[in-house]
Amino acid sequence: MKQTGQTRVMDMSLCECMKKKLQQATCDKIDWNRKILKWRKCFKEAEKAICGECKKPDKKRK
């Protein structure tokens, strides 16, 4: 992790950051767990939308 001024710049990808936060989400606070799971669902949908457009359709050969 690099520190620039008072803000921190993380070298981790978004996916790695979310995995780390989700692993930490196993706590007794039910509201927090629900919020993290909701975020996970949103990020998963966004990743699916972004990566889904990048894939080229398979062409069948005759």
PDB file of N, CA and C in Angstrom:
ATOM      1  N   MET A   1       0.837  -1.156   0.000  1.00  0.00           N
ATOM      2  CA  MET A   1       0.000   0.000   0.000  1.00  0.00           C
ATOM      3  C   MET A   1       0.894   1.234   0.000  1.00  0.00           C
ATOM      4  N   LYS A   2       0.606   2.164  -0.879  1.00  0.00           N
ATOM      5  CA  LYS A   2       1.365   3.401  -0.945  1.00  0.00           C
ATOM      6  C   LYS A   2       0.605   4.488  -0.205  1.00  0.00           C
ATOM      7  N   GLN A   3       1.343   5.369   0.402  1.00  0.00           N
ATOM      8  CA  GLN A   3       0.689   6.455   1.118  1.00  0.00           C
ATOM      9  C   GLN A   3       1.091   7.765   0.461  1.00  0.00           C
ATOM     10  N   THR A   4       0.098   8.512   0.002  1.00  0.00           N
ATOM     11  CA  THR A   4       0.340   9.803  -0.616  1.00  0.00           C
ATOM     12  C   THR A   4      -0.435  10.840   0.167  1.00  0.00           C
ATOM     13  N   GLY A   5       0.256  11.707   0.866  1.00  0.00           N
ATOM     14  CA  GLY A   5      -0.418  12.714   1.675  1.00  0.00           C
ATOM     15  C   GLY A   5      -1.238  12.054   2.758  1.00  0.00           C
ATOM     16  N   GLN A   6      -2.500  12.426   2.833  1.00  0.00           N
ATOM     17  CA  GLN A   6      -3.371  11.836   3.836  1.00  0.00           C
ATOM     18  C   GLN A   6      -4.246  10.730   3.261  1.00  0.00           C
ATOM     19  N   THR A   7      -4.167  10.502   1.960  1.00  0.00           N
ATOM     20  CA  THR A   7      -4.960   9.435   1.353  1.00  0.00           C
ATOM     21  C   THR A   7      -4.067   8.239   1.073  1.00  0.00           C
ATOM     22  N   ARG A   8      -4.661   7.088   1.089  1.00  0.00           N
ATOM     23  CA  ARG A   8      -3.922   5.863   0.802  1.00  0.00           C
ATOM     24  C   ARG A   8      -4.325   5.348  -0.565  1.00  0.00           C
ATOM     25  N   VAL A   9      -3.357   4.916  -1.330  1.00  0.00           N
ATOM     26  CA  VAL A   9      -3.603   4.331  -2.639  1.00  0.00           C
ATOM     27  C   VAL A   9      -3.350   2.843  -2.507  1.00  0.00           C
ATOM     28  N   MET A  10      -4.347   2.047  -2.779  1.00  0.00           N
ATOM     29  CA  MET A  10      -4.201   0.598  -2.640  1.00  0.00           C
ATOM     30  C   MET A  10      -3.776  -0.008  -3.971  1.00  0.00           C
ATOM     31  N   ASP A  11      -2.851  -0.933  -3.899  1.00  0.00           N
ATOM     32  CA  ASP A  11      -2.367  -1.626  -5.081  1.00  0.00           C
ATOM     33  C   ASP A  11      -3.206  -2.863  -5.389  1.00  0.00           C
ATOM     34  N   MET A  12      -4.214  -3.132  -4.580  1.00  0.00           N
ATOM     35  CA  MET A  12      -5.034  -4.322  -4.763  1.00  0.00           C
ATOM     36  C   MET A  12      -6.163  -4.028  -5.752  1.00  0.00           C
ATOM     37  N   SER A  13      -6.578  -5.031  -6.464  1.00  0.00           N
ATOM     38  CA  SER A  13      -7.700  -4.867  -7.371  1.00  0.00           C
ATOM     39  C   SER A  13      -8.997  -4.804  -6.570  1.00  0.00           C
ATOM     40  N   LEU A  14     -10.044  -4.371  -7.223  1.00  0.00           N
ATOM     41  CA  LEU A  14     -11.340  -4.258  -6.564  1.00  0.00           C
ATOM     42  C   LEU A  14     -11.813  -5.618  -6.067  1.00  0.00           C
ATOM     43  N   CYS A  15     -11.612  -6.643  -6.863  1.00  0.00           N
ATOM     44  CA  CYS A  15     -12.039  -7.994  -6.485  1.00  0.00           C
ATOM     45  C   CYS A  15     -11.316  -8.462  -5.222  1.00  0.00           C
ATOM     46  N   GLU A  16     -10.014  -8.221  -5.163  1.00  0.00           N
ATOM     47  CA  GLU A  16      -9.245  -8.632  -3.988  1.00  0.00           C
ATOM     48  C   GLU A  16      -9.692  -7.866  -2.752  1.00  0.00           C
ATOM     49  N   CYS A  17      -9.970  -6.577  -2.917  1.00  0.00           N
ATOM     50  CA  CYS A  17     -10.439  -5.765  -1.785  1.00  0.00           C
ATOM     51  C   CYS A  17     -11.783  -6.279  -1.279  1.00  0.00           C
ATOM     52  N   MET A  18     -12.677  -6.604  -2.192  1.00  0.00           N
ATOM     53  CA  MET A  18     -13.996  -7.091  -1.790  1.00  0.00           C
ATOM     54  C   MET A  18     -13.879  -8.431  -1.077  1.00  0.00           C
ATOM     55  N   LYS A  19     -13.019  -9.314  -1.579  1.00  0.00           N
ATOM     56  CA  LYS A  19     -12.824 -10.612  -0.923  1.00  0.00           C
ATOM     57  C   LYS A  19     -12.330 -10.423   0.500  1.00  0.00           C
ATOM     58  N   LYS A  20     -11.391  -9.505   0.671  1.00  0.00           N
ATOM     59  CA  LYS A  20     -10.849  -9.250   2.001  1.00  0.00           C
ATOM     60  C   LYS A  20     -11.936  -8.719   2.929  1.00  0.00           C
ATOM     61  N   LYS A  21     -12.750  -7.793   2.436  1.00  0.00           N
ATOM     62  CA  LYS A  21     -13.818  -7.220   3.256  1.00  0.00           C
ATOM     63  C   LYS A  21     -14.887  -8.263   3.570  1.00  0.00           C
ATOM     64  N   LEU A  22     -15.186  -9.131   2.612  1.00  0.00           N
ATOM     65  CA  LEU A  22     -16.183 -10.171   2.848  1.00  0.00           C
ATOM     66  C   LEU A  22     -15.695 -11.183   3.876  1.00  0.00           C
ATOM     67  N   GLN A  23     -14.409 -11.462   3.878  1.00  0.00           N
ATOM     68  CA  GLN A  23     -13.864 -12.372   4.885  1.00  0.00           C
ATOM     69  C   GLN A  23     -13.948 -11.754   6.268  1.00  0.00           C
ATOM     70  N   GLN A  24     -13.819 -10.445   6.349  1.00  0.00           N
ATOM     71  CA  GLN A  24     -13.908  -9.750   7.625  1.00  0.00           C
ATOM     72  C   GLN A  24     -15.356  -9.593   8.072  1.00  0.00           C
ATOM     73  N   ALA A  25     -16.304  -9.822   7.164  1.00  0.00           N
ATOM     74  CA  ALA A  25     -17.714  -9.571   7.450  1.00  0.00           C
ATOM     75  C   ALA A  25     -18.347 -10.643   8.331  1.00  0.00           C
ATOM     76  N   THR A  26     -17.616 -11.659   8.651  1.00  0.00           N
ATOM     77  CA  THR A  26     -18.165 -12.710   9.506  1.00  0.00           C
ATOM     78  C   THR A  26     -18.103 -12.248  10.954  1.00  0.00           C
ATOM     79  N   CYS A  27     -19.044 -11.414  11.304  1.00  0.00           N
ATOM     80  CA  CYS A  27     -19.097 -10.882  12.662  1.00  0.00           C
ATOM     81  C   CYS A  27     -20.523 -11.052  13.193  1.00  0.00           C
ATOM     82  N   ASP A  28     -20.753 -10.589  14.393  1.00  0.00           N
ATOM     83  CA  ASP A  28     -22.056 -10.729  15.030  1.00  0.00           C
ATOM     84  C   ASP A  28     -23.042  -9.643  14.618  1.00  0.00           C
ATOM     85  N   LYS A  29     -22.602  -8.681  13.862  1.00  0.00           N
ATOM     86  CA  LYS A  29     -23.463  -7.573  13.476  1.00  0.00           C
ATOM     87  C   LYS A  29     -24.223  -7.944  12.203  1.00  0.00           C
ATOM     88  N   ILE A  30     -25.469  -8.333  12.348  1.00  0.00           N
ATOM     89  CA  ILE A  30     -26.278  -8.830  11.237  1.00  0.00           C
ATOM     90  C   ILE A  30     -26.480  -7.764  10.169  1.00  0.00           C
ATOM     91  N   ASP A  31     -26.705  -6.520  10.585  1.00  0.00           N
ATOM     92  CA  ASP A  31     -26.919  -5.443   9.615  1.00  0.00           C
ATOM     93  C   ASP A  31     -25.697  -5.245   8.721  1.00  0.00           C
ATOM     94  N   TRP A  32     -24.521  -5.325   9.305  1.00  0.00           N
ATOM     95  CA  TRP A  32     -23.302  -5.165   8.516  1.00  0.00           C
ATOM     96  C   TRP A  32     -23.151  -6.306   7.525  1.00  0.00           C
ATOM     97  N   ASN A  33     -23.419  -7.513   7.978  1.00  0.00           N
ATOM     98  CA  ASN A  33     -23.315  -8.670   7.088  1.00  0.00           C
ATOM     99  C   ASN A  33     -24.263  -8.532   5.905  1.00  0.00           C
ATOM    100  N   ARG A  34     -25.479  -8.087   6.164  1.00  0.00           N
ATOM    101  CA  ARG A  34     -26.449  -7.902   5.080  1.00  0.00           C
ATOM    102  C   ARG A  34     -25.982  -6.839   4.097  1.00  0.00           C
ATOM    103  N   LYS A  35     -25.420  -5.755   4.622  1.00  0.00           N
ATOM    104  CA  LYS A  35     -24.946  -4.678   3.754  1.00  0.00           C
ATOM    105  C   LYS A  35     -23.798  -5.166   2.874  1.00  0.00           C
ATOM    106  N   ILE A  36     -22.865  -5.899   3.458  1.00  0.00           N
ATOM    107  CA  ILE A  36     -21.731  -6.424   2.694  1.00  0.00           C
ATOM    108  C   ILE A  36     -22.209  -7.398   1.627  1.00  0.00           C
ATOM    109  N   LEU A  37     -23.152  -8.264   1.967  1.00  0.00           N
ATOM    110  CA  LEU A  37     -23.674  -9.211   0.980  1.00  0.00           C
ATOM    111  C   LEU A  37     -24.406  -8.492  -0.144  1.00  0.00           C
ATOM    112  N   LYS A  38     -25.086  -7.400   0.177  1.00  0.00           N
ATOM    113  CA  LYS A  38     -25.767  -6.602  -0.848  1.00  0.00           C
ATOM    114  C   LYS A  38     -24.738  -5.961  -1.778  1.00  0.00           C
ATOM    115  N   TRP A  39     -23.657  -5.436  -1.196  1.00  0.00           N
ATOM    116  CA  TRP A  39     -22.585  -4.859  -2.009  1.00  0.00           C
ATOM    117  C   TRP A  39     -21.971  -5.919  -2.912  1.00  0.00           C
ATOM    118  N   ARG A  40     -21.761  -7.106  -2.360  1.00  0.00           N
ATOM    119  CA  ARG A  40     -21.173  -8.199  -3.133  1.00  0.00           C
ATOM    120  C   ARG A  40     -22.038  -8.520  -4.347  1.00  0.00           C
ATOM    121  N   LYS A  41     -23.337  -8.558  -4.130  1.00  0.00           N
ATOM    122  CA  LYS A  41     -24.259  -8.847  -5.225  1.00  0.00           C
ATOM    123  C   LYS A  41     -24.177  -7.761  -6.291  1.00  0.00           C
ATOM    124  N   CYS A  42     -24.126  -6.501  -5.864  1.00  0.00           N
ATOM    125  CA  CYS A  42     -24.038  -5.387  -6.809  1.00  0.00           C
ATOM    126  C   CYS A  42     -22.743  -5.443  -7.617  1.00  0.00           C
ATOM    127  N   PHE A  43     -21.623  -5.705  -6.939  1.00  0.00           N
ATOM    128  CA  PHE A  43     -20.353  -5.788  -7.642  1.00  0.00           C
ATOM    129  C   PHE A  43     -20.313  -6.981  -8.585  1.00  0.00           C
ATOM    130  N   LYS A  44     -20.931  -8.075  -8.198  1.00  0.00           N
ATOM    131  CA  LYS A  44     -20.962  -9.257  -9.052  1.00  0.00           C
ATOM    132  C   LYS A  44     -21.766  -8.974 -10.324  1.00  0.00           C
ATOM    133  N   GLU A  45     -22.899  -8.273 -10.181  1.00  0.00           N
ATOM    134  CA  GLU A  45     -23.706  -7.907 -11.337  1.00  0.00           C
ATOM    135  C   GLU A  45     -22.951  -6.949 -12.252  1.00  0.00           C
ATOM    136  N   ALA A  46     -22.244  -5.988 -11.655  1.00  0.00           N
ATOM    137  CA  ALA A  46     -21.470  -5.035 -12.452  1.00  0.00           C
ATOM    138  C   ALA A  46     -20.340  -5.740 -13.195  1.00  0.00           C
ATOM    139  N   GLU A  47     -19.654  -6.651 -12.513  1.00  0.00           N
ATOM    140  CA  GLU A  47     -18.577  -7.403 -13.146  1.00  0.00           C
ATOM    141  C   GLU A  47     -19.116  -8.251 -14.297  1.00  0.00           C
ATOM    142  N   LYS A  48     -20.278  -8.839 -14.094  1.00  0.00           N
ATOM    143  CA  LYS A  48     -20.897  -9.664 -15.132  1.00  0.00           C
ATOM    144  C   LYS A  48     -21.254  -8.812 -16.344  1.00  0.00           C
ATOM    145  N   ALA A  49     -21.775  -7.600 -16.098  1.00  0.00           N
ATOM    146  CA  ALA A  49     -22.147  -6.707 -17.192  1.00  0.00           C
ATOM    147  C   ALA A  49     -20.914  -6.230 -17.953  1.00  0.00           C
ATOM    148  N   ILE A  50     -19.852  -5.899 -17.224  1.00  0.00           N
ATOM    149  CA  ILE A  50     -18.638  -5.395 -17.864  1.00  0.00           C
ATOM    150  C   ILE A  50     -17.914  -6.505 -18.607  1.00  0.00           C
ATOM    151  N   CYS A  51     -17.691  -7.620 -17.962  1.00  0.00           N
ATOM    152  CA  CYS A  51     -16.942  -8.718 -18.578  1.00  0.00           C
ATOM    153  C   CYS A  51     -17.770  -9.451 -19.625  1.00  0.00           C
ATOM    154  N   GLY A  52     -19.057  -9.441 -19.476  1.00  0.00           N
ATOM    155  CA  GLY A  52     -19.923 -10.104 -20.442  1.00  0.00           C
ATOM    156  C   GLY A  52     -19.872  -9.442 -21.801  1.00  0.00           C
ATOM    157  N   GLU A  53     -19.694  -8.118 -21.815  1.00  0.00           N
ATOM    158  CA  GLU A  53     -19.624  -7.388 -23.073  1.00  0.00           C
ATOM    159  C   GLU A  53     -18.277  -7.584 -23.753  1.00  0.00           C
ATOM    160  N   CYS A  54     -17.246  -7.902 -22.996  1.00  0.00           N
ATOM    161  CA  CYS A  54     -15.901  -8.068 -23.542  1.00  0.00           C
ATOM    162  C   CYS A  54     -15.757  -9.371 -24.323  1.00  0.00           C
ATOM    163  N   LYS A  55     -16.546 -10.354 -23.964  1.00  0.00           N
ATOM    164  CA  LYS A  55     -16.426 -11.661 -24.604  1.00  0.00           C
ATOM    165  C   LYS A  55     -17.010 -11.616 -26.014  1.00  0.00           C
ATOM    166  N   LYS A  56     -16.305 -12.247 -26.934  1.00  0.00           N
ATOM    167  CA  LYS A  56     -16.785 -12.332 -28.304  1.00  0.00           C
ATOM    168  C   LYS A  56     -17.610 -13.604 -28.455  1.00  0.00           C
ATOM    169  N   PRO A  57     -18.693 -13.542 -29.206  1.00  0.00           N
ATOM    170  CA  PRO A  57     -19.496 -14.756 -29.402  1.00  0.00           C
ATOM    171  C   PRO A  57     -18.727 -15.785 -30.226  1.00  0.00           C
ATOM    172  N   ASP A  58     -18.913 -17.044 -29.899  1.00  0.00           N
ATOM    173  CA  ASP A  58     -18.247 -18.123 -30.623  1.00  0.00           C
ATOM    174  C   ASP A  58     -18.878 -18.282 -31.996  1.00  0.00           C
ATOM    175  N   LYS A  59     -18.032 -18.392 -32.998  1.00  0.00           N
ATOM    176  CA  LYS A  59     -18.528 -18.607 -34.356  1.00  0.00           C
ATOM    177  C   LYS A  59     -18.422 -20.089 -34.670  1.00  0.00           C
ATOM    178  N   LYS A  60     -19.499 -20.638 -35.143  1.00  0.00           N
ATOM    179  CA  LYS A  60     -19.502 -22.056 -35.495  1.00  0.00           C
ATOM    180  C   LYS A  60     -19.027 -22.218 -36.932  1.00  0.00           C
ATOM    181  N   ARG A  61     -18.142 -23.178 -37.135  1.00  0.00           N
ATOM    182  CA  ARG A  61     -17.654 -23.467 -38.479  1.00  0.00           C
ATOM    183  C   ARG A  61     -18.520 -24.532 -39.109  1.00  0.00           C
ATOM    184  N   LYS A  62     -18.697 -24.407 -40.395  1.00  0.00           N
ATOM    185  CA  LYS A  62     -19.499 -25.391 -41.137  1.00  0.00           C
ATOM    186  C   LYS A  62     -18.644 -26.505 -41.648  1.00  0.00           C
TER     187      LYS A  62
END
